[in-house]
C-alpha atoms as a PDB file:
ATOM      1  CA  MET A   1      -4.383 -20.490  -7.672  1.00  0.00           C
ATOM      2  CA  SER A   2      -1.519 -18.232  -8.186  1.00  0.00           C
ATOM      3  CA  ILE A   3      -0.593 -15.356  -5.919  1.00  0.00           C
ATOM      4  CA  GLU A   4      -1.874 -12.879  -8.552  1.00  0.00           C
ATOM      5  CA  GLU A   5      -5.150 -14.762  -8.890  1.00  0.00           C
ATOM      6  CA  GLU A   6      -5.594 -14.689  -5.073  1.00  0.00           C
ATOM      7  CA  LYS A   7      -4.983 -10.938  -5.047  1.00  0.00           C
ATOM      8  CA  GLU A   8      -7.631 -10.490  -7.766  1.00  0.00           C
ATOM      9  CA  PHE A   9      -9.894 -12.720  -5.789  1.00  0.00           C
ATOM     10  CA  LEU A  10      -9.478 -10.732  -2.591  1.00  0.00           C
ATOM     11  CA  SER A  11      -9.845  -7.293  -4.200  1.00  0.00           C
ATOM     12  CA  THR A  12     -13.601  -7.201  -3.876  1.00  0.00           C
ATOM     13  CA  TYR A  13     -13.346  -8.194  -0.240  1.00  0.00           C
ATOM     14  CA  THR A  14     -10.566  -5.666   0.345  1.00  0.00           C
ATOM     15  CA  LYS A  15     -12.939  -2.964  -0.864  1.00  0.00           C
ATOM     16  CA  GLN A  16     -15.613  -4.118   1.606  1.00  0.00           C
ATOM     17  CA  ALA A  17     -13.137  -4.341   4.535  1.00  0.00           C
ATOM     18  CA  GLU A  18     -11.770  -0.854   3.816  1.00  0.00           C
ATOM     19  CA  ALA A  19     -15.329   0.390   3.952  1.00  0.00           C
ATOM     20  CA  GLY A  20     -15.706  -1.065   7.439  1.00  0.00           C
ATOM     21  CA  GLN A  21     -17.859  -4.017   6.573  1.00  0.00           C
ATOM     22  CA  ILE A  22     -17.307  -7.335   8.283  1.00  0.00           C
ATOM     23  CA  ILE A  23     -16.089 -10.088   5.967  1.00  0.00           C
ATOM     24  CA  ASP A  24     -17.898 -13.465   6.592  1.00  0.00           C
ATOM     25  CA  LEU A  25     -15.342 -16.202   6.233  1.00  0.00           C
ATOM     26  CA  ASN A  26     -17.896 -18.870   5.344  1.00  0.00           C
ATOM     27  CA  GLU A  27     -18.976 -16.572   2.300  1.00  0.00           C
ATOM     28  CA  LEU A  28     -15.423 -16.005   1.419  1.00  0.00           C
ATOM     29  CA  LYS A  29     -14.654 -19.787   1.559  1.00  0.00           C
ATOM     30  CA  ALA A  30     -17.692 -20.614  -0.589  1.00  0.00           C
ATOM     31  CA  ALA A  31     -16.615 -18.132  -3.246  1.00  0.00           C
ATOM     32  CA  TYR A  32     -13.009 -19.552  -3.170  1.00  0.00           C
ATOM     33  CA  ILE A  33     -14.389 -23.119  -3.586  1.00  0.00           C
ATOM     34  CA  GLU A  34     -16.548 -21.889  -6.554  1.00  0.00           C
ATOM     35  CA  LYS A  35     -13.543 -20.176  -8.080  1.00  0.00           C
ATOM     36  CA  VAL A  36     -11.206 -23.188  -7.882  1.00  0.00           C
ATOM     37  CA  GLY A  37     -13.788 -25.872  -8.510  1.00  0.00           C
ATOM     38  CA  HIS A  38     -13.041 -28.243  -5.847  1.00  0.00           C
ATOM     39  CA  SER A  39     -13.311 -28.559  -2.019  1.00  0.00           C
ATOM     40  CA  ILE A  40     -10.516 -27.265   0.253  1.00  0.00           C
ATOM     41  CA  GLY A  41      -9.303 -27.884   3.765  1.00  0.00           C
ATOM     42  CA  GLY A  42     -10.212 -25.652   6.629  1.00  0.00           C
ATOM     43  CA  SER A  43      -6.910 -23.873   7.017  1.00  0.00           C
ATOM     44  CA  GLN A  44      -6.302 -23.127   3.315  1.00  0.00           C
ATOM     45  CA  ILE A  45      -8.394 -19.851   3.590  1.00  0.00           C
ATOM     46  CA  TYR A  46      -6.584 -18.790   6.667  1.00  0.00           C
ATOM     47  CA  ARG A  47      -3.178 -19.361   5.068  1.00  0.00           C
ATOM     48  CA  MET A  48      -4.188 -17.450   1.924  1.00  0.00           C
ATOM     49  CA  LEU A  49      -5.367 -14.556   3.988  1.00  0.00           C
ATOM     50  CA  GLU A  50      -2.182 -14.574   6.056  1.00  0.00           C
ATOM     51  CA  ARG A  51      -0.129 -14.508   2.831  1.00  0.00           C
ATOM     52  CA  HIS A  52      -1.871 -11.352   1.854  1.00  0.00           C
ATOM     53  CA  GLY A  53      -1.405  -9.580   5.089  1.00  0.00           C
ATOM     54  CA  TRP A  54      -4.912 -10.014   6.482  1.00  0.00           C
ATOM     55  CA  ARG A  55      -5.549 -10.475  10.235  1.00  0.00           C
ATOM     56  CA  LYS A  56      -8.417 -11.288  12.409  1.00  0.00           C
ATOM     57  CA  VAL A  57      -9.871  -8.333  14.198  1.00  0.00           C
ATOM     58  CA  MET A  58     -12.626  -8.900  16.717  1.00  0.00           C
ATOM     59  CA  PRO A  59     -14.193  -6.497  19.270  1.00  0.00           C
ATOM     60  CA  ARG A  60     -13.825  -7.109  22.954  1.00  0.00           C
ATOM     61  CA  SER A  61     -16.420  -9.186  24.679  1.00  0.00           C
ATOM     62  CA  LYS A  62     -16.882  -6.721  27.399  1.00  0.00           C
ATOM     63  CA  HIS A  63     -15.974  -3.064  27.998  1.00  0.00           C
ATOM     64  CA  PRO A  64     -13.423  -2.926  30.894  1.00  0.00           C
ATOM     65  CA  GLN A  65     -15.152   0.150  32.510  1.00  0.00           C
ATOM     66  CA  LYS A  66     -18.541  -1.567  32.618  1.00  0.00           C
ATOM     67  CA  ALA A  67     -17.214  -4.108  35.003  1.00  0.00           C
ATOM     68  CA  SER A  68     -18.428  -4.183  38.619  1.00  0.00           C
ATOM     69  CA  ASN A  69     -16.307  -2.169  41.075  1.00  0.00           C
ATOM     70  CA  GLU A  70     -15.656  -5.355  43.190  1.00  0.00           C
ATOM     71  CA  ALA A  71     -14.286  -7.046  40.126  1.00  0.00           C
ATOM     72  CA  ILE A  72     -11.999  -4.155  39.342  1.00  0.00           C
ATOM     73  CA  GLU A  73     -10.646  -3.991  42.928  1.00  0.00           C
ATOM     74  CA  ALA A  74     -10.086  -7.758  43.052  1.00  0.00           C
ATOM     75  CA  SER A  75      -8.074  -7.653  39.756  1.00  0.00           C
ATOM     76  CA  LYS A  76      -5.995  -4.736  41.172  1.00  0.00           C
ATOM     77  CA  LYS A  77      -5.146  -6.844  44.207  1.00  0.00           C
ATOM     78  CA  LEU A  78      -4.065  -9.833  42.052  1.00  0.00           C
ATOM     79  CA  ASN A  79      -1.726  -7.470  39.957  1.00  0.00           C
ATOM     80  CA  GLN A  80      -0.058  -6.263  43.143  1.00  0.00           C
ATOM     81  CA  LYS A  81       0.924  -9.672  44.374  1.00  0.00           C
END
């Protein structure tokens, strides 16, 4: 698939991402396989997304201020050493 074809393929997903929706990589990969007509390696989707300036954005697993006070104080002591 050429770069222009990849841009066209990603255009629908770009609209979803700009609207704040989460893009499912498995869905993206399945659509890519259907478009090219053969199976692909695991890293091929990641390389395509990197070529077009996409990056992985994930929320933090925990909010830092919701940690216990003991854990906060312990981390402060570690940083001072």
